[in-house]
C-alpha atoms as a PDB file:
ATOM      1  CA  MET A   1     -18.674  -0.932   4.692  1.00  0.00           C
ATOM      2  CA  LEU A   2     -16.519  -2.524   7.382  1.00  0.00           C
ATOM      3  CA  LYS A   3     -14.466  -4.280   4.834  1.00  0.00           C
ATOM      4  CA  GLN A   4     -13.726  -0.950   3.077  1.00  0.00           C
ATOM      5  CA  LEU A   5     -12.760   0.543   6.394  1.00  0.00           C
ATOM      6  CA  PHE A   6     -10.386  -2.298   7.119  1.00  0.00           C
ATOM      7  CA  VAL A   7      -8.697  -2.104   3.688  1.00  0.00           C
ATOM      8  CA  LEU A   8      -8.340   1.715   3.936  1.00  0.00           C
ATOM      9  CA  LEU A   9      -7.019   1.544   7.469  1.00  0.00           C
ATOM     10  CA  PHE A  10      -4.333  -0.951   6.846  1.00  0.00           C
ATOM     11  CA  THR A  11      -3.396   0.502   3.541  1.00  0.00           C
ATOM     12  CA  LEU A  12      -2.389   3.578   5.595  1.00  0.00           C
ATOM     13  CA  ILE A  13      -0.428   1.434   8.140  1.00  0.00           C
ATOM     14  CA  LEU A  14       1.527  -0.842   5.776  1.00  0.00           C
ATOM     15  CA  ILE A  15       5.275  -0.606   5.428  1.00  0.00           C
ATOM     16  CA  ALA A  16       7.060  -0.473   2.012  1.00  0.00           C
ATOM     17  CA  ALA A  17      10.010   0.179  -0.297  1.00  0.00           C
ATOM     18  CA  CYS A  18      11.430   1.298  -3.708  1.00  0.00           C
ATOM     19  CA  GLY A  19      14.553   2.026  -5.745  1.00  0.00           C
ATOM     20  CA  ASP A  20      17.206   2.520  -8.532  1.00  0.00           C
ATOM     21  CA  ASN A  21      19.095   4.034 -11.411  1.00  0.00           C
ATOM     22  CA  LYS A  22      18.749   5.140 -15.086  1.00  0.00           C
ATOM     23  CA  ASN A  23      21.806   3.460 -16.468  1.00  0.00           C
ATOM     24  CA  GLU A  24      20.619  -0.161 -16.309  1.00  0.00           C
ATOM     25  CA  PRO A  25      19.449  -1.674 -19.624  1.00  0.00           C
ATOM     26  CA  GLU A  26      15.759  -2.053 -20.315  1.00  0.00           C
ATOM     27  CA  LYS A  27      14.461  -5.524 -19.467  1.00  0.00           C
ATOM     28  CA  ILE A  28      11.670  -7.083 -21.698  1.00  0.00           C
ATOM     29  CA  LEU A  29       9.433  -9.262 -19.604  1.00  0.00           C
ATOM     30  CA  SER A  30       7.065 -11.967 -20.818  1.00  0.00           C
ATOM     31  CA  ASP A  31       3.482 -11.980 -19.503  1.00  0.00           C
ATOM     32  CA  LYS A  32       4.465 -14.767 -17.189  1.00  0.00           C
ATOM     33  CA  GLU A  33       7.494 -12.825 -15.849  1.00  0.00           C
ATOM     34  CA  LYS A  34       5.518  -9.607 -15.456  1.00  0.00           C
ATOM     35  CA  TYR A  35       3.267 -11.049 -12.782  1.00  0.00           C
ATOM     36  CA  ALA A  36       5.620 -13.533 -11.106  1.00  0.00           C
ATOM     37  CA  PHE A  37       5.706 -11.406  -8.017  1.00  0.00           C
ATOM     38  CA  ASP A  38       8.378 -11.816  -5.330  1.00  0.00           C
ATOM     39  CA  SER A  39      10.630 -13.518  -7.849  1.00  0.00           C
ATOM     40  CA  THR A  40      13.687 -11.221  -7.676  1.00  0.00           C
ATOM     41  CA  ASP A  41      16.643 -12.645  -5.918  1.00  0.00           C
ATOM     42  CA  LEU A  42      19.051 -10.066  -4.459  1.00  0.00           C
ATOM     43  CA  LYS A  43      21.966 -12.509  -4.065  1.00  0.00           C
ATOM     44  CA  LEU A  44      23.571 -10.621  -1.220  1.00  0.00           C
ATOM     45  CA  GLU A  45      27.271 -11.360  -1.044  1.00  0.00           C
ATOM     46  CA  GLY A  46      28.278 -11.435   2.596  1.00  0.00           C
ATOM     47  CA  ILE A  47      28.494  -8.998   5.503  1.00  0.00           C
ATOM     48  CA  ASP A  48      29.982  -5.510   5.561  1.00  0.00           C
ATOM     49  CA  ASN A  49      32.204  -5.487   8.632  1.00  0.00           C
ATOM     50  CA  SER A  50      33.396  -1.894   8.484  1.00  0.00           C
ATOM     51  CA  GLY A  51      31.059  -0.926  11.310  1.00  0.00           C
ATOM     52  CA  LYS A  52      30.890   2.660   9.850  1.00  0.00           C
ATOM     53  CA  PRO A  53      27.651   4.623  10.536  1.00  0.00           C
ATOM     54  CA  PHE A  54      25.762   5.810   7.461  1.00  0.00           C
ATOM     55  CA  LEU A  55      22.892   7.959   6.425  1.00  0.00           C
ATOM     56  CA  MET A  56      19.974   6.579   4.438  1.00  0.00           C
ATOM     57  CA  GLU A  57      18.871   9.176   1.854  1.00  0.00           C
ATOM     58  CA  TYR A  58      17.225   9.087  -1.568  1.00  0.00           C
ATOM     59  CA  LYS A  59      19.799  10.060  -4.188  1.00  0.00           C
ATOM     60  CA  PHE A  60      17.811  10.196  -7.410  1.00  0.00           C
ATOM     61  CA  LYS A  61      19.167  12.283 -10.317  1.00  0.00           C
ATOM     62  CA  LYS A  62      17.372  14.078 -13.061  1.00  0.00           C
ATOM     63  CA  GLY A  63      16.618  11.624 -15.893  1.00  0.00           C
ATOM     64  CA  ASP A  64      16.666   8.487 -13.773  1.00  0.00           C
ATOM     65  CA  LYS A  65      14.066   5.906 -14.708  1.00  0.00           C
ATOM     66  CA  VAL A  66      13.259   2.991 -12.365  1.00  0.00           C
ATOM     67  CA  SER A  67      10.890   0.115 -13.010  1.00  0.00           C
ATOM     68  CA  TYR A  68       8.991  -1.631 -10.207  1.00  0.00           C
ATOM     69  CA  ARG A  69       6.530  -4.461  -9.664  1.00  0.00           C
ATOM     70  CA  LEU A  70       4.103  -3.761  -6.848  1.00  0.00           C
ATOM     71  CA  THR A  71       1.952  -6.655  -5.550  1.00  0.00           C
ATOM     72  CA  ASN A  72      -0.890  -6.434  -3.018  1.00  0.00           C
ATOM     73  CA  ILE A  73      -2.408  -9.583  -1.735  1.00  0.00           C
ATOM     74  CA  SER A  74      -5.424  -9.268   0.587  1.00  0.00           C
ATOM     75  CA  ASN A  75      -7.612 -11.734   2.356  1.00  0.00           C
ATOM     76  CA  ASN A  76     -10.696 -10.814   4.267  1.00  0.00           C
ATOM     77  CA  VAL A  77     -12.838 -13.371   6.177  1.00  0.00           C
ATOM     78  CA  GLN A  78     -16.145 -12.372   7.773  1.00  0.00           C
ATOM     79  CA  THR A  79     -17.814 -14.810  10.214  1.00  0.00           C
ATOM     80  CA  MET A  80     -21.353 -14.185  11.529  1.00  0.00           C
ATOM     81  CA  ILE A  81     -22.743 -16.276  14.431  1.00  0.00           C
ATOM     82  CA  MET A  82     -26.410 -16.222  15.161  1.00  0.00           C
ATOM     83  CA  ASP A  83     -28.635 -19.275  15.066  1.00  0.00           C
ATOM     84  CA  THR A  84     -26.109 -20.643  12.671  1.00  0.00           C
ATOM     85  CA  THR A  85     -22.506 -19.768  11.709  1.00  0.00           C
ATOM     86  CA  ILE A  86     -21.858 -18.272   8.280  1.00  0.00           C
ATOM     87  CA  SER A  87     -18.471 -17.458   6.990  1.00  0.00           C
ATOM     88  CA  GLN A  88     -17.515 -15.795   3.735  1.00  0.00           C
ATOM     89  CA  GLY A  89     -14.122 -14.821   2.387  1.00  0.00           C
ATOM     90  CA  VAL A  90     -12.625 -12.646  -0.290  1.00  0.00           C
ATOM     91  CA  GLU A  91      -9.115 -13.090  -1.626  1.00  0.00           C
ATOM     92  CA  GLN A  92      -7.618 -10.560  -3.979  1.00  0.00           C
ATOM     93  CA  LYS A  93      -4.331 -10.053  -5.768  1.00  0.00           C
ATOM     94  CA  ILE A  94      -3.395  -6.920  -7.661  1.00  0.00           C
ATOM     95  CA  VAL A  95      -0.073  -6.526  -9.546  1.00  0.00           C
ATOM     96  CA  TYR A  96       1.147  -3.169 -10.888  1.00  0.00           C
ATOM     97  CA  LEU A  97       4.067  -2.614 -13.190  1.00  0.00           C
ATOM     98  CA  LEU A  98       5.229   0.960 -12.856  1.00  0.00           C
ATOM     99  CA  ASP A  99       7.982   3.355 -14.085  1.00  0.00           C
ATOM    100  CA  LEU A 100       9.278   6.119 -11.851  1.00  0.00           C
ATOM    101  CA  ILE A 101      10.784   8.903 -14.030  1.00  0.00           C
ATOM    102  CA  VAL A 102      12.747  11.696 -12.332  1.00  0.00           C
ATOM    103  CA  ASN A 103      11.979  15.185 -13.814  1.00  0.00           C
ATOM    104  CA  GLU A 104      13.832  17.384 -11.308  1.00  0.00           C
ATOM    105  CA  VAL A 105      15.992  17.290  -8.262  1.00  0.00           C
ATOM    106  CA  ASP A 106      16.671  20.577  -6.450  1.00  0.00           C
ATOM    107  CA  GLU A 107      19.755  21.636  -4.441  1.00  0.00           C
ATOM    108  CA  GLU A 108      18.197  20.283  -1.247  1.00  0.00           C
ATOM    109  CA  GLY A 109      17.574  16.861  -2.693  1.00  0.00           C
ATOM    110  CA  THR A 110      13.812  17.295  -3.247  1.00  0.00           C
ATOM    111  CA  SER A 111      12.738  15.167  -6.224  1.00  0.00           C
ATOM    112  CA  GLU A 112       9.802  15.670  -8.595  1.00  0.00           C
ATOM    113  CA  VAL A 113       8.918  12.378 -10.446  1.00  0.00           C
ATOM    114  CA  ASP A 114       6.306  11.026 -12.743  1.00  0.00           C
ATOM    115  CA  ILE A 115       4.841   7.559 -11.959  1.00  0.00           C
ATOM    116  CA  LYS A 116       3.425   5.742 -14.855  1.00  0.00           C
ATOM    117  CA  VAL A 117       1.409   2.594 -14.584  1.00  0.00           C
ATOM    118  CA  ASN A 118       2.239   0.275 -17.529  1.00  0.00           C
ATOM    119  CA  SER A 119       0.253  -2.723 -16.433  1.00  0.00           C
ATOM    120  CA  VAL A 120      -2.457  -3.619 -13.899  1.00  0.00           C
ATOM    121  CA  LYS A 121      -3.767  -7.198 -13.354  1.00  0.00           C
ATOM    122  CA  LEU A 122      -6.377  -8.175 -10.751  1.00  0.00           C
ATOM    123  CA  GLU A 123      -7.416 -11.656  -9.669  1.00  0.00           C
ATOM    124  CA  ALA A 124     -10.038 -12.292  -7.003  1.00  0.00           C
ATOM    125  CA  THR A 125     -12.257 -14.964  -5.509  1.00  0.00           C
ATOM    126  CA  ALA A 126     -15.401 -14.435  -3.447  1.00  0.00           C
ATOM    127  CA  GLY A 127     -16.900 -17.681  -2.319  1.00  0.00           C
ATOM    128  CA  ALA A 128     -17.286 -19.789  -5.457  1.00  0.00           C
ATOM    129  CA  GLU A 129     -16.953 -16.748  -7.784  1.00  0.00           C
ATOM    130  CA  TYR A 130     -13.750 -15.894  -9.600  1.00  0.00           C
ATOM    131  CA  PHE A 131     -12.857 -12.494 -11.086  1.00  0.00           C
ATOM    132  CA  LYS A 132      -9.997 -11.304 -13.192  1.00  0.00           C
ATOM    133  CA  PHE A 133      -9.135  -8.137 -15.119  1.00  0.00           C
ATOM    134  CA  GLU A 134      -6.051  -6.862 -16.952  1.00  0.00           C
ATOM    135  CA  ALA A 135      -6.006  -3.242 -18.024  1.00  0.00           C
ATOM    136  CA  GLY A 136      -5.420  -2.749 -21.734  1.00  0.00           C
ATOM    137  CA  LYS A 137      -6.220  -6.403 -22.614  1.00  0.00           C
ATOM    138  CA  ASP A 138      -9.770  -6.956 -21.426  1.00  0.00           C
ATOM    139  CA  THR A 139     -12.122  -5.335 -23.895  1.00  0.00           C
ATOM    140  CA  SER A 140     -15.483  -6.052 -22.308  1.00  0.00           C
ATOM    141  CA  LYS A 141     -17.225  -2.709 -21.831  1.00  0.00           C
ATOM    142  CA  GLU A 142     -18.986  -4.112 -18.778  1.00  0.00           C
ATOM    143  CA  ASP A 143     -15.631  -5.156 -17.134  1.00  0.00           C
ATOM    144  CA  ILE A 144     -13.849  -1.980 -18.076  1.00  0.00           C
ATOM    145  CA  LYS A 145     -16.573   0.030 -16.406  1.00  0.00           C
ATOM    146  CA  LYS A 146     -16.692  -2.262 -13.401  1.00  0.00           C
ATOM    147  CA  TYR A 147     -12.886  -1.898 -12.921  1.00  0.00           C
ATOM    148  CA  ALA A 148     -12.720   1.782 -14.083  1.00  0.00           C
ATOM    149  CA  GLU A 149     -10.116   2.767 -11.486  1.00  0.00           C
ATOM    150  CA  PHE A 150      -7.652   0.242 -12.827  1.00  0.00           C
ATOM    151  CA  GLN A 151      -8.332   0.932 -16.462  1.00  0.00           C
ATOM    152  CA  SER A 152      -7.979   4.658 -15.723  1.00  0.00           C
ATOM    153  CA  PHE A 153      -4.428   4.065 -14.447  1.00  0.00           C
ATOM    154  CA  TYR A 154      -3.332   2.186 -17.573  1.00  0.00           C
ATOM    155  CA  ASN A 155      -0.757   4.124 -19.654  1.00  0.00           C
ATOM    156  CA  ASN A 156      -1.398   7.250 -17.547  1.00  0.00           C
ATOM    157  CA  SER A 157       0.851   9.000 -15.200  1.00  0.00           C
ATOM    158  CA  PHE A 158       0.806  11.305 -12.178  1.00  0.00           C
ATOM    159  CA  SER A 159       3.402  13.276 -10.343  1.00  0.00           C
ATOM    160  CA  VAL A 160       4.938  13.189  -6.854  1.00  0.00           C
ATOM    161  CA  ARG A 161       7.276  15.466  -4.964  1.00  0.00           C
ATOM    162  CA  PHE A 162       9.274  14.062  -1.981  1.00  0.00           C
ATOM    163  CA  ASN A 163      12.460  15.055  -0.136  1.00  0.00           C
ATOM    164  CA  LYS A 164      15.596  12.985   0.367  1.00  0.00           C
ATOM    165  CA  LYS A 165      14.242  11.620   3.633  1.00  0.00           C
ATOM    166  CA  GLY A 166      11.136  10.172   1.854  1.00  0.00           C
ATOM    167  CA  ASP A 167       8.590  12.683   3.137  1.00  0.00           C
ATOM    168  CA  ILE A 168       5.831  12.971   0.530  1.00  0.00           C
ATOM    169  CA  LEU A 169       5.232  16.695  -0.151  1.00  0.00           C
ATOM    170  CA  GLU A 170       2.629  16.561  -2.895  1.00  0.00           C
ATOM    171  CA  ILE A 171       0.795  14.177  -5.276  1.00  0.00           C
ATOM    172  CA  PHE A 172      -0.431  16.043  -8.306  1.00  0.00           C
ATOM    173  CA  ARG A 173      -1.088  16.007 -12.040  1.00  0.00           C
ATOM    174  CA  ALA A 174      -3.739  13.299 -11.633  1.00  0.00           C
ATOM    175  CA  ASP A 175      -6.172  14.972 -14.042  1.00  0.00           C
ATOM    176  CA  LYS A 176      -5.647  12.477 -16.867  1.00  0.00           C
ATOM    177  CA  ILE A 177      -6.475   9.583 -14.475  1.00  0.00           C
ATOM    178  CA  SER A 178      -9.559  11.222 -13.008  1.00  0.00           C
ATOM    179  CA  ASN A 179     -10.812  12.340 -16.514  1.00  0.00           C
ATOM    180  CA  LYS A 180     -10.342   8.841 -17.874  1.00  0.00           C
ATOM    181  CA  PHE A 181     -12.197   7.434 -14.861  1.00  0.00           C
ATOM    182  CA  LEU A 182     -15.181   9.745 -15.417  1.00  0.00           C
ATOM    183  CA  GLU A 183     -15.226   8.965 -19.105  1.00  0.00           C
ATOM    184  CA  ILE A 184     -15.333   5.204 -18.386  1.00  0.00           C
ATOM    185  CA  LYS A 185     -18.124   5.732 -15.923  1.00  0.00           C
ATOM    186  CA  GLU A 186     -19.930   7.948 -18.499  1.00  0.00           C
ATOM    187  CA  ALA A 187     -20.192  10.745 -15.965  1.00  0.00           C
ATOM    188  CA  ALA A 188     -17.907  13.413 -17.452  1.00  0.00           C
ATOM    189  CA  ASP A 189     -20.809  15.574 -18.786  1.00  0.00           C
ATOM    190  CA  SER A 190     -23.075  15.287 -15.756  1.00  0.00           C
ATOM    191  CA  LEU A 191     -20.861  16.573 -12.974  1.00  0.00           C
ATOM    192  CA  THR A 192     -19.916  20.031 -11.806  1.00  0.00           C
ATOM    193  CA  THR A 193     -16.366  21.275 -11.649  1.00  0.00           C
ATOM    194  CA  GLU A 194     -16.474  20.982  -7.832  1.00  0.00           C
ATOM    195  CA  GLN A 195     -17.687  17.361  -8.011  1.00  0.00           C
ATOM    196  CA  LYS A 196     -15.019  16.404 -10.557  1.00  0.00           C
ATOM    197  CA  SER A 197     -12.363  17.949  -8.181  1.00  0.00           C
ATOM    198  CA  MET A 198     -13.715  15.935  -5.325  1.00  0.00           C
ATOM    199  CA  ILE A 199     -13.593  12.749  -7.332  1.00  0.00           C
ATOM    200  CA  ARG A 200      -9.965  13.548  -8.367  1.00  0.00           C
ATOM    201  CA  GLN A 201      -8.909  14.076  -4.746  1.00  0.00           C
ATOM    202  CA  ASP A 202     -10.724  10.857  -3.787  1.00  0.00           C
ATOM    203  CA  LEU A 203      -8.702   8.874  -6.321  1.00  0.00           C
ATOM    204  CA  ILE A 204      -5.522  10.501  -5.031  1.00  0.00           C
ATOM    205  CA  ASN A 205      -6.288   9.647  -1.404  1.00  0.00           C
ATOM    206  CA  LYS A 206      -7.565   6.111  -1.905  1.00  0.00           C
ATOM    207  CA  LEU A 207      -5.635   4.829  -4.940  1.00  0.00           C
ATOM    208  CA  LEU A 208      -2.550   6.874  -5.751  1.00  0.00           C
ATOM    209  CA  GLN A 209      -1.272   7.617  -2.235  1.00  0.00           C
ATOM    210  CA  PRO A 210      -1.219   3.950  -1.226  1.00  0.00           C
ATOM    211  CA  ILE A 211       0.843   3.260  -4.336  1.00  0.00           C
ATOM    212  CA  VAL A 212       3.279   6.145  -3.565  1.00  0.00           C
ATOM    213  CA  THR A 213       3.700   5.115   0.083  1.00  0.00           C
ATOM    214  CA  GLN A 214       4.739   1.674  -0.983  1.00  0.00           C
ATOM    215  CA  LEU A 215       7.407   3.062  -3.467  1.00  0.00           C
ATOM    216  CA  ILE A 216       8.634   5.955  -1.440  1.00  0.00           C
ATOM    217  CA  ARG A 217       8.888   5.675   2.386  1.00  0.00           C
ATOM    218  CA  LYS A 218      10.454   7.663   5.198  1.00  0.00           C
ATOM    219  CA  VAL A 219      14.021   6.988   6.282  1.00  0.00           C
ATOM    220  CA  PRO A 220      15.661   8.126   9.545  1.00  0.00           C
ATOM    221  CA  LEU A 221      17.111  11.568  10.008  1.00  0.00           C
ATOM    222  CA  LYS A 222      20.128  10.211  12.039  1.00  0.00           C
ATOM    223  CA  GLU A 223      23.127   8.119  11.056  1.00  0.00           C
ATOM    224  CA  VAL A 224      22.552   4.404  11.719  1.00  0.00           C
ATOM    225  CA  TYR A 225      24.651   1.134  11.753  1.00  0.00           C
ATOM    226  CA  LYS A 226      24.043  -2.497  12.504  1.00  0.00           C
ATOM    227  CA  ASP A 227      21.526  -2.911  15.365  1.00  0.00           C
ATOM    228  CA  SER A 228      20.389   0.736  15.185  1.00  0.00           C
ATOM    229  CA  THR A 229      16.722   1.241  15.947  1.00  0.00           C
ATOM    230  CA  TRP A 230      14.298   4.062  15.351  1.00  0.00           C
ATOM    231  CA  GLN A 231      10.539   4.743  15.406  1.00  0.00           C
ATOM    232  CA  ILE A 232       8.148   6.926  13.423  1.00  0.00           C
ATOM    233  CA  GLN A 233       4.953   8.038  15.209  1.00  0.00           C
ATOM    234  CA  GLN A 234       1.919   8.175  12.889  1.00  0.00           C
ATOM    235  CA  PRO A 235      -1.222  10.370  13.147  1.00  0.00           C
ATOM    236  CA  THR A 236      -4.145   9.042  15.143  1.00  0.00           C
ATOM    237  CA  ILE A 237      -6.732   7.191  13.008  1.00  0.00           C
ATOM    238  CA  PRO A 238     -10.474   7.061  14.122  1.00  0.00           C
ATOM    239  CA  PHE A 239     -11.909   3.521  13.680  1.00  0.00           C
ATOM    240  CA  LEU A 240     -15.428   2.652  14.731  1.00  0.00           C
ATOM    241  CA  SER A 241     -15.603   3.584  18.408  1.00  0.00           C
ATOM    242  CA  TYR A 242     -11.802   3.595  18.788  1.00  0.00           C
ATOM    243  CA  GLN A 243      -8.876   5.822  18.270  1.00  0.00           C
ATOM    244  CA  ILE A 244      -5.840   4.042  16.878  1.00  0.00           C
ATOM    245  CA  ASP A 245      -2.385   5.283  17.753  1.00  0.00           C
ATOM    246  CA  TYR A 246       0.451   3.302  16.104  1.00  0.00           C
ATOM    247  CA  THR A 247       4.193   3.712  15.767  1.00  0.00           C
ATOM    248  CA  ASN A 248       6.314   2.146  12.959  1.00  0.00           C
ATOM    249  CA  THR A 249       9.423   0.429  14.369  1.00  0.00           C
ATOM    250  CA  TYR A 250      12.725  -0.293  12.575  1.00  0.00           C
ATOM    251  CA  LYS A 251      15.953  -2.134  13.295  1.00  0.00           C
ATOM    252  CA  VAL A 252      19.015  -2.576  11.064  1.00  0.00           C
ATOM    253  CA  ALA A 253      19.371  -6.397  11.288  1.00  0.00           C
ATOM    254  CA  SER A 254      22.527  -6.511   9.127  1.00  0.00           C
ATOM    255  CA  VAL A 255      24.604  -4.601   6.607  1.00  0.00           C
ATOM    256  CA  GLU A 256      25.400  -6.772   3.616  1.00  0.00           C
ATOM    257  CA  LYS A 257      26.947  -6.320   0.160  1.00  0.00           C
ATOM    258  CA  LEU A 258      25.451  -6.351  -3.347  1.00  0.00           C
ATOM    259  CA  ASP A 259      27.747  -5.567  -6.268  1.00  0.00           C
ATOM    260  CA  ASP A 260      30.053  -3.660  -3.873  1.00  0.00           C
ATOM    261  CA  ASP A 261      27.235  -1.594  -2.480  1.00  0.00           C
ATOM    262  CA  ARG A 262      26.246  -1.719   1.237  1.00  0.00           C
ATOM    263  CA  ILE A 263      22.685  -2.975   1.701  1.00  0.00           C
ATOM    264  CA  ALA A 264      20.927  -2.244   4.990  1.00  0.00           C
ATOM    265  CA  VAL A 265      18.656  -5.092   5.787  1.00  0.00           C
ATOM    266  CA  ILE A 266      15.887  -3.657   7.981  1.00  0.00           C
ATOM    267  CA  ASP A 267      13.354  -5.467  10.161  1.00  0.00           C
ATOM    268  CA  ALA A 268      10.109  -3.417  10.368  1.00  0.00           C
ATOM    269  CA  GLY A 269       7.067  -3.694  12.601  1.00  0.00           C
ATOM    270  CA  ALA A 270       4.513  -1.580  14.396  1.00  0.00           C
ATOM    271  CA  ILE A 271       3.223  -0.950  17.898  1.00  0.00           C
ATOM    272  CA  PHE A 272      -0.582  -0.371  18.140  1.00  0.00           C
ATOM    273  CA  ASN A 273      -2.565   1.219  20.925  1.00  0.00           C
ATOM    274  CA  TYR A 274      -6.327   1.361  20.887  1.00  0.00           C
ATOM    275  CA  SER A 275      -8.401   3.748  23.036  1.00  0.00           C
ATOM    276  CA  GLY A 276     -12.112   4.569  23.213  1.00  0.00           C
ATOM    277  CA  GLN A 277     -15.456   3.166  24.049  1.00  0.00           C
ATOM    278  CA  SER A 278     -16.252  -0.555  23.761  1.00  0.00           C
ATOM    279  CA  LYS A 279     -20.020   0.123  23.261  1.00  0.00           C
ATOM    280  CA  ALA A 280     -21.893   2.131  20.614  1.00  0.00           C
ATOM    281  CA  ASN A 281     -25.573   2.547  19.813  1.00  0.00           C
ATOM    282  CA  GLN A 282     -26.534   3.218  16.270  1.00  0.00           C
ATOM    283  CA  GLY A 283     -29.993   2.914  14.717  1.00  0.00           C
ATOM    284  CA  GLY A 284     -31.362   1.043  17.665  1.00  0.00           C
ATOM    285  CA  ILE A 285     -28.605  -1.534  17.532  1.00  0.00           C
ATOM    286  CA  LEU A 286     -26.210  -1.873  20.482  1.00  0.00           C
ATOM    287  CA  TYR A 287     -22.667  -2.787  19.401  1.00  0.00           C
ATOM    288  CA  THR A 288     -20.125  -4.189  21.888  1.00  0.00           C
ATOM    289  CA  PHE A 289     -16.625  -4.335  20.539  1.00  0.00           C
ATOM    290  CA  GLN A 290     -13.708  -6.418  21.726  1.00  0.00           C
ATOM    291  CA  LYS A 291     -10.386  -4.572  21.494  1.00  0.00           C
ATOM    292  CA  PRO A 292      -8.874  -5.189  17.939  1.00  0.00           C
ATOM    293  CA  LEU A 293      -5.872  -7.399  17.582  1.00  0.00           C
ATOM    294  CA  SER A 294      -3.146  -6.168  15.180  1.00  0.00           C
ATOM    295  CA  THR A 295       0.265  -7.195  14.009  1.00  0.00           C
ATOM    296  CA  ALA A 296       2.670  -5.843  11.404  1.00  0.00           C
ATOM    297  CA  GLU A 297       6.026  -7.117  10.225  1.00  0.00           C
ATOM    298  CA  GLY A 298       8.257  -6.701   7.256  1.00  0.00           C
ATOM    299  CA  LYS A 299      11.734  -6.659   5.676  1.00  0.00           C
ATOM    300  CA  ILE A 300      13.195  -3.733   3.796  1.00  0.00           C
ATOM    301  CA  TYR A 301      16.399  -3.644   1.746  1.00  0.00           C
ATOM    302  CA  PHE A 302      18.060  -0.233   1.301  1.00  0.00           C
ATOM    303  CA  ASP A 303      21.082   0.413  -0.920  1.00  0.00           C
ATOM    304  CA  VAL A 304      23.147   2.801   1.197  1.00  0.00           C
ATOM    305  CA  ASP A 305      25.659   3.810  -1.475  1.00  0.00           C
ATOM    306  CA  LYS A 306      23.188   4.375  -4.341  1.00  0.00           C
ATOM    307  CA  GLY A 307      20.560   5.786  -2.015  1.00  0.00           C
ATOM    308  CA  HIS A 308      17.425   3.931  -2.693  1.00  0.00           C
ATOM    309  CA  GLN A 309      15.354   1.058  -1.470  1.00  0.00           C
ATOM    310  CA  ILE A 310      15.505  -2.007  -3.695  1.00  0.00           C
ATOM    311  CA  LYS A 311      12.985  -4.443  -2.189  1.00  0.00           C
ATOM    312  CA  SER A 312      10.405  -4.923   0.541  1.00  0.00           C
ATOM    313  CA  ARG A 313       7.889  -7.480   1.763  1.00  0.00           C
ATOM    314  CA  THR A 314       5.461  -6.487   4.500  1.00  0.00           C
ATOM    315  CA  LYS A 315       2.456  -8.074   6.170  1.00  0.00           C
ATOM    316  CA  THR A 316      -0.321  -6.848   8.507  1.00  0.00           C
ATOM    317  CA  ARG A 317      -2.952  -8.766  10.331  1.00  0.00           C
ATOM    318  CA  PHE A 318      -6.054  -7.163  11.746  1.00  0.00           C
ATOM    319  CA  GLU A 319      -8.902  -8.799  13.657  1.00  0.00           C
ATOM    320  CA  ILE A 320     -11.965  -7.389  15.339  1.00  0.00           C
ATOM    321  CA  THR A 321     -14.928  -9.146  16.977  1.00  0.00           C
ATOM    322  CA  TYR A 322     -18.147  -7.469  18.108  1.00  0.00           C
ATOM    323  CA  THR A 323     -21.699  -8.368  19.124  1.00  0.00           C
ATOM    324  CA  MET A 324     -24.884  -6.757  17.895  1.00  0.00           C
ATOM    325  CA  GLU A 325     -28.068  -6.635  19.981  1.00  0.00           C
ATOM    326  CA  ALA A 326     -31.418  -5.158  18.958  1.00  0.00           C
ATOM    327  CA  ASN A 327     -35.166  -5.364  19.887  1.00  0.00           C
ATOM    328  CA  THR A 328     -37.193  -6.633  16.919  1.00  0.00           C
ATOM    329  CA  PRO A 329     -40.885  -7.691  16.383  1.00  0.00           C
ATOM    330  CA  MET A 330     -39.637 -11.195  17.069  1.00  0.00           C
ATOM    331  CA  GLY A 331     -38.076 -10.191  20.369  1.00  0.00           C
ATOM    332  CA  LYS A 332     -34.466  -9.416  21.273  1.00  0.00           C
ATOM    333  CA  GLN A 333     -32.057 -10.570  18.559  1.00  0.00           C
ATOM    334  CA  LYS A 334     -28.325 -11.049  19.171  1.00  0.00           C
ATOM    335  CA  GLY A 335     -25.402 -11.935  17.011  1.00  0.00           C
ATOM    336  CA  THR A 336     -21.587 -11.943  16.832  1.00  0.00           C
ATOM    337  CA  ARG A 337     -19.383 -10.938  13.986  1.00  0.00           C
ATOM    338  CA  LYS A 338     -15.699 -11.407  13.434  1.00  0.00           C
ATOM    339  CA  ASP A 339     -13.630  -9.765  10.675  1.00  0.00           C
ATOM    340  CA  LEU A 340     -10.060 -10.956   9.910  1.00  0.00           C
ATOM    341  CA  THR A 341      -8.003  -9.046   7.327  1.00  0.00           C
ATOM    342  CA  LEU A 342      -4.597 -10.018   6.090  1.00  0.00           C
ATOM    343  CA  ASN A 343      -2.589  -7.770   3.766  1.00  0.00           C
ATOM    344  CA  ILE A 344       0.722  -8.410   2.057  1.00  0.00           C
ATOM    345  CA  TYR A 345       2.629  -5.865  -0.021  1.00  0.00           C
ATOM    346  CA  VAL A 346       5.719  -6.840  -2.133  1.00  0.00           C
ATOM    347  CA  VAL A 347       7.793  -4.176  -3.863  1.00  0.00           C
ATOM    348  CA  GLU A 348      10.477  -5.202  -6.320  1.00  0.00           C
ATOM    349  CA  LYS A 349      12.819  -3.221  -8.476  1.00  0.00           C
ATOM    350  CA  LEU A 350      12.890  -4.900 -11.878  1.00  0.00           C
END
């Protein structure tokens, strides 16, 4: 349960990017090229010395189609100290290949797009065990059911509305994905309409929204230039006995050139503040928490002239340590647990 909380929490916190244009030729990728994440070289061509301030806005047009590779690498290590010390770790890599297809753009710059997942590949290790799954290629009924959420994405699409500043207004048309998920789980005929609706919303919140927030992210309202900074305050998140307040921070590190376009190279991070009680009692167990330790950093590349983000690489680190104490038939028992979670996201326009 704690691992799921950590993954959900830092999926919400992570920083991301996206980008581009309908007029570029289709690229056919081999299987090796598909999943060679963080392999795109931007080949920036020097510094823009104009010093002119600029606005960062999304400038998609109806009919644009953009292809992305989104890679998530996560590593969770749990250490339990009682009479002995036991550590176990889980490493996971998920690679998505996606198309963003622009259906409409209104007069105010609000875009409605379809996002289609063309490929999903997962690799994971847990201790000595190794797991892998590729949607559309693995035919084992047991594996397809086990990885139903990934199989349900494959060759399916959902829709998103967002404004020119990257505010996500709506994620919708996810029925095909949720219906496929229920079909794979063999639950389509046993649930009520309300239950199906709840499952669809759960898939949107936990699976689709994290993808969207990596592809489409907020940009500042004001004009910026080299060395400009800005912050975006995020809603408070409850976590265990704490409340987490965090603020995303950004700085234009440089303005460079790529095929005559200005590229804003942005350093990104986050400021964390934890408040709440360090002790909690649940089920007769007394928990004493140390204040969590968190860091976030990243690099974002934004094409100022075309109006899209073209690449990002972000990383978060989260660590929490707590002790557990309980009275048992064998007397008072006490243990210490530490959870360390690392998350890396890489977004590349293909």
